[in-house]
Amino acid sequence: MLEGDAMEYQERISKDIDLLSKNLKEIDSIELKLVEKEILDRAKSYRDDAWYYLEKKDFMTSFGCITYAHGLIDSLRMIYSII
C-alpha cells in the first residue's frame, strides 16, 4: 500500500466515525427498549474497535467495524423513522 493510500483510508474511516457520532446523537433522546439498548451498545463497541484498528493501521478491519456499526444504528434509526 502506498503512503497516500493510507492517508486516504484514514481520512475516509475518520469521516465515517464522525458520521456515526452524528447519527448516535439523533437517537440520544429516544427511550430505547432493552434489546435496542444492547444494539446501541454493540454499535458503540464496534465504533471503538474501528478507532483501535485505525490506530493500528489495519484499515480493512477498521472499515469493517465502522460499517457494521452504521448498519446497527441505521436499523434503530429506521425503527424510529429517523431515516
N, C-alpha and C. Protein backbone atom coordinates (compact mmCIF):
# COMPACT_ATOMS: atom_id res chain seq x y z
N MET A 1 0.85 -1.18 0.00
CA MET A 1 0.00 0.00 0.00
C MET A 1 0.89 1.24 0.00
N LEU A 2 0.52 2.18 -0.79
CA LEU A 2 1.26 3.43 -0.86
C LEU A 2 0.88 4.33 0.30
N GLU A 3 1.79 5.20 0.70
CA GLU A 3 1.55 6.09 1.83
C GLU A 3 0.33 6.98 1.59
N GLY A 4 0.16 7.48 0.35
CA GLY A 4 -1.00 8.31 0.02
C GLY A 4 -2.30 7.55 0.19
N ASP A 5 -2.29 6.26 -0.15
CA ASP A 5 -3.48 5.42 0.04
C ASP A 5 -3.83 5.32 1.52
N ALA A 6 -2.81 5.15 2.35
CA ALA A 6 -3.04 5.04 3.79
C ALA A 6 -3.71 6.30 4.32
N MET A 7 -3.26 7.46 3.88
CA MET A 7 -3.87 8.72 4.33
C MET A 7 -5.32 8.80 3.86
N GLU A 8 -5.58 8.35 2.63
CA GLU A 8 -6.94 8.37 2.10
C GLU A 8 -7.85 7.44 2.90
N TYR A 9 -7.36 6.24 3.23
CA TYR A 9 -8.14 5.30 4.02
C TYR A 9 -8.41 5.86 5.41
N GLN A 10 -7.37 6.44 6.02
CA GLN A 10 -7.53 7.02 7.35
C GLN A 10 -8.58 8.12 7.34
N GLU A 11 -8.51 8.98 6.35
CA GLU A 11 -9.46 10.08 6.26
C GLU A 11 -10.89 9.57 6.06
N ARG A 12 -11.05 8.60 5.19
CA ARG A 12 -12.37 8.05 4.92
C ARG A 12 -12.97 7.41 6.16
N ILE A 13 -12.19 6.61 6.85
CA ILE A 13 -12.67 5.94 8.04
C ILE A 13 -12.97 6.96 9.13
N SER A 14 -12.13 7.96 9.30
CA SER A 14 -12.38 9.02 10.30
C SER A 14 -13.69 9.74 10.01
N LYS A 15 -13.96 10.02 8.74
CA LYS A 15 -15.22 10.67 8.37
C LYS A 15 -16.41 9.76 8.71
N ASP A 16 -16.26 8.46 8.46
CA ASP A 16 -17.33 7.52 8.79
C ASP A 16 -17.57 7.46 10.29
N ILE A 17 -16.51 7.53 11.07
CA ILE A 17 -16.65 7.52 12.53
C ILE A 17 -17.35 8.80 12.98
N ASP A 18 -16.99 9.94 12.40
CA ASP A 18 -17.65 11.20 12.72
C ASP A 18 -19.14 11.16 12.37
N LEU A 19 -19.45 10.57 11.21
CA LEU A 19 -20.85 10.45 10.80
C LEU A 19 -21.62 9.56 11.77
N LEU A 20 -20.99 8.51 12.24
CA LEU A 20 -21.64 7.64 13.22
C LEU A 20 -21.95 8.43 14.49
N SER A 21 -21.02 9.26 14.93
CA SER A 21 -21.26 10.09 16.13
C SER A 21 -22.48 10.98 15.93
N LYS A 22 -22.60 11.56 14.75
CA LYS A 22 -23.77 12.40 14.44
C LYS A 22 -25.05 11.55 14.50
N ASN A 23 -25.01 10.37 13.93
CA ASN A 23 -26.18 9.51 13.93
C ASN A 23 -26.54 9.03 15.34
N LEU A 24 -25.52 8.83 16.17
CA LEU A 24 -25.78 8.44 17.56
C LEU A 24 -26.51 9.56 18.30
N LYS A 25 -26.15 10.80 18.02
CA LYS A 25 -26.81 11.93 18.67
C LYS A 25 -28.29 12.00 18.30
N GLU A 26 -28.62 11.57 17.08
CA GLU A 26 -30.01 11.58 16.64
C GLU A 26 -30.89 10.67 17.49
N ILE A 27 -30.32 9.62 18.03
CA ILE A 27 -31.14 8.68 18.79
C ILE A 27 -30.96 8.83 20.30
N ASP A 28 -30.16 9.81 20.72
CA ASP A 28 -29.93 10.05 22.15
C ASP A 28 -31.21 10.26 22.95
N SER A 29 -32.15 10.97 22.39
CA SER A 29 -33.34 11.35 23.14
C SER A 29 -34.44 10.28 23.10
N ILE A 30 -34.22 9.21 22.35
CA ILE A 30 -35.24 8.17 22.23
C ILE A 30 -35.13 7.21 23.41
N GLU A 31 -36.28 6.86 23.97
CA GLU A 31 -36.30 5.88 25.04
C GLU A 31 -36.31 4.49 24.40
N LEU A 32 -35.15 3.84 24.42
CA LEU A 32 -34.99 2.57 23.76
C LEU A 32 -35.40 1.41 24.65
N LYS A 33 -35.89 0.34 24.02
CA LYS A 33 -36.18 -0.90 24.72
C LYS A 33 -34.85 -1.57 25.06
N LEU A 34 -34.90 -2.55 25.94
CA LEU A 34 -33.68 -3.20 26.41
C LEU A 34 -32.85 -3.77 25.25
N VAL A 35 -33.49 -4.49 24.35
CA VAL A 35 -32.75 -5.08 23.23
C VAL A 35 -32.18 -3.99 22.31
N GLU A 36 -32.88 -2.88 22.18
CA GLU A 36 -32.38 -1.76 21.37
C GLU A 36 -31.17 -1.11 22.03
N LYS A 37 -31.18 -1.05 23.36
CA LYS A 37 -30.01 -0.53 24.09
C LYS A 37 -28.80 -1.43 23.88
N GLU A 38 -29.06 -2.74 23.79
CA GLU A 38 -27.98 -3.68 23.54
C GLU A 38 -27.41 -3.47 22.14
N ILE A 39 -28.27 -3.20 21.17
CA ILE A 39 -27.83 -2.90 19.81
C ILE A 39 -26.99 -1.63 19.81
N LEU A 40 -27.45 -0.62 20.52
CA LEU A 40 -26.71 0.64 20.63
C LEU A 40 -25.34 0.42 21.26
N ASP A 41 -25.30 -0.35 22.33
CA ASP A 41 -24.02 -0.65 22.99
C ASP A 41 -23.08 -1.40 22.06
N ARG A 42 -23.62 -2.32 21.30
CA ARG A 42 -22.80 -3.07 20.36
C ARG A 42 -22.24 -2.16 19.27
N ALA A 43 -23.08 -1.25 18.79
CA ALA A 43 -22.62 -0.31 17.76
C ALA A 43 -21.49 0.56 18.30
N LYS A 44 -21.62 1.01 19.55
CA LYS A 44 -20.57 1.82 20.16
C LYS A 44 -19.28 1.01 20.33
N SER A 45 -19.41 -0.27 20.64
CA SER A 45 -18.23 -1.13 20.76
C SER A 45 -17.53 -1.27 19.41
N TYR A 46 -18.33 -1.43 18.35
CA TYR A 46 -17.74 -1.51 17.02
C TYR A 46 -17.07 -0.19 16.63
N ARG A 47 -17.66 0.93 17.04
CA ARG A 47 -17.02 2.23 16.79
C ARG A 47 -15.67 2.30 17.48
N ASP A 48 -15.63 1.86 18.73
CA ASP A 48 -14.37 1.86 19.48
C ASP A 48 -13.35 0.94 18.83
N ASP A 49 -13.82 -0.21 18.35
CA ASP A 49 -12.93 -1.13 17.64
C ASP A 49 -12.40 -0.49 16.36
N ALA A 50 -13.25 0.27 15.68
CA ALA A 50 -12.82 0.96 14.45
C ALA A 50 -11.67 1.91 14.76
N TRP A 51 -11.78 2.66 15.86
CA TRP A 51 -10.69 3.57 16.26
C TRP A 51 -9.42 2.77 16.57
N TYR A 52 -9.59 1.68 17.31
CA TYR A 52 -8.44 0.85 17.69
C TYR A 52 -7.69 0.36 16.45
N TYR A 53 -8.43 -0.22 15.50
CA TYR A 53 -7.79 -0.76 14.31
C TYR A 53 -7.25 0.34 13.40
N LEU A 54 -7.91 1.49 13.41
CA LEU A 54 -7.41 2.62 12.63
C LEU A 54 -6.03 3.04 13.15
N GLU A 55 -5.89 3.10 14.48
CA GLU A 55 -4.61 3.46 15.08
C GLU A 55 -3.52 2.43 14.75
N LYS A 56 -3.94 1.17 14.59
CA LYS A 56 -3.00 0.09 14.24
C LYS A 56 -2.73 0.05 12.73
N LYS A 57 -3.42 0.92 11.98
CA LYS A 57 -3.32 0.99 10.52
C LYS A 57 -3.83 -0.28 9.84
N ASP A 58 -4.74 -0.97 10.52
CA ASP A 58 -5.44 -2.13 9.94
C ASP A 58 -6.74 -1.58 9.36
N PHE A 59 -6.63 -1.00 8.17
CA PHE A 59 -7.74 -0.26 7.59
C PHE A 59 -8.92 -1.15 7.21
N MET A 60 -8.65 -2.36 6.75
CA MET A 60 -9.74 -3.26 6.37
C MET A 60 -10.62 -3.59 7.58
N THR A 61 -9.98 -3.95 8.67
CA THR A 61 -10.74 -4.30 9.87
C THR A 61 -11.45 -3.07 10.42
N SER A 62 -10.78 -1.95 10.44
CA SER A 62 -11.38 -0.71 10.92
C SER A 62 -12.61 -0.35 10.11
N PHE A 63 -12.48 -0.42 8.79
CA PHE A 63 -13.61 -0.09 7.92
C PHE A 63 -14.76 -1.06 8.13
N GLY A 64 -14.44 -2.34 8.29
CA GLY A 64 -15.47 -3.33 8.56
C GLY A 64 -16.22 -3.02 9.85
N CYS A 65 -15.49 -2.64 10.87
CA CYS A 65 -16.10 -2.33 12.17
C CYS A 65 -17.05 -1.13 12.06
N ILE A 66 -16.59 -0.08 11.38
CA ILE A 66 -17.41 1.13 11.34
C ILE A 66 -18.63 0.94 10.44
N THR A 67 -18.49 0.18 9.37
CA THR A 67 -19.67 -0.06 8.52
C THR A 67 -20.68 -0.93 9.24
N TYR A 68 -20.22 -1.89 10.02
CA TYR A 68 -21.14 -2.71 10.80
C TYR A 68 -21.87 -1.85 11.85
N ALA A 69 -21.13 -0.96 12.49
CA ALA A 69 -21.74 -0.06 13.48
C ALA A 69 -22.82 0.80 12.82
N HIS A 70 -22.53 1.31 11.61
CA HIS A 70 -23.53 2.10 10.89
C HIS A 70 -24.79 1.29 10.62
N GLY A 71 -24.62 0.04 10.24
CA GLY A 71 -25.78 -0.81 9.97
C GLY A 71 -26.64 -1.00 11.21
N LEU A 72 -26.01 -1.21 12.35
CA LEU A 72 -26.77 -1.37 13.59
C LEU A 72 -27.54 -0.09 13.94
N ILE A 73 -26.86 1.04 13.84
CA ILE A 73 -27.50 2.32 14.17
C ILE A 73 -28.60 2.64 13.16
N ASP A 74 -28.34 2.36 11.89
CA ASP A 74 -29.37 2.61 10.87
C ASP A 74 -30.63 1.80 11.13
N SER A 75 -30.48 0.59 11.64
CA SER A 75 -31.67 -0.20 11.94
C SER A 75 -32.51 0.48 13.03
N LEU A 76 -31.86 1.04 14.04
CA LEU A 76 -32.59 1.77 15.08
C LEU A 76 -33.21 3.04 14.50
N ARG A 77 -32.47 3.72 13.66
CA ARG A 77 -32.99 4.95 13.04
C ARG A 77 -34.20 4.64 12.16
N MET A 78 -34.18 3.49 11.51
CA MET A 78 -35.32 3.10 10.67
C MET A 78 -36.55 2.78 11.53
N ILE A 79 -36.33 2.06 12.62
CA ILE A 79 -37.43 1.70 13.52
C ILE A 79 -38.15 2.95 14.00
N TYR A 80 -37.39 4.01 14.30
CA TYR A 80 -37.96 5.23 14.83
C TYR A 80 -38.15 6.31 13.76
N SER A 81 -38.15 5.89 12.51
CA SER A 81 -38.44 6.78 11.36
C SER A 81 -37.56 8.02 11.32
N ILE A 82 -36.31 7.85 11.67
CA ILE A 82 -35.35 8.96 11.59
C ILE A 82 -34.76 9.01 10.18
N ILE A 83 -34.70 7.87 9.53
CA ILE A 83 -34.25 7.83 8.13
C ILE A 83 -35.31 7.17 7.27
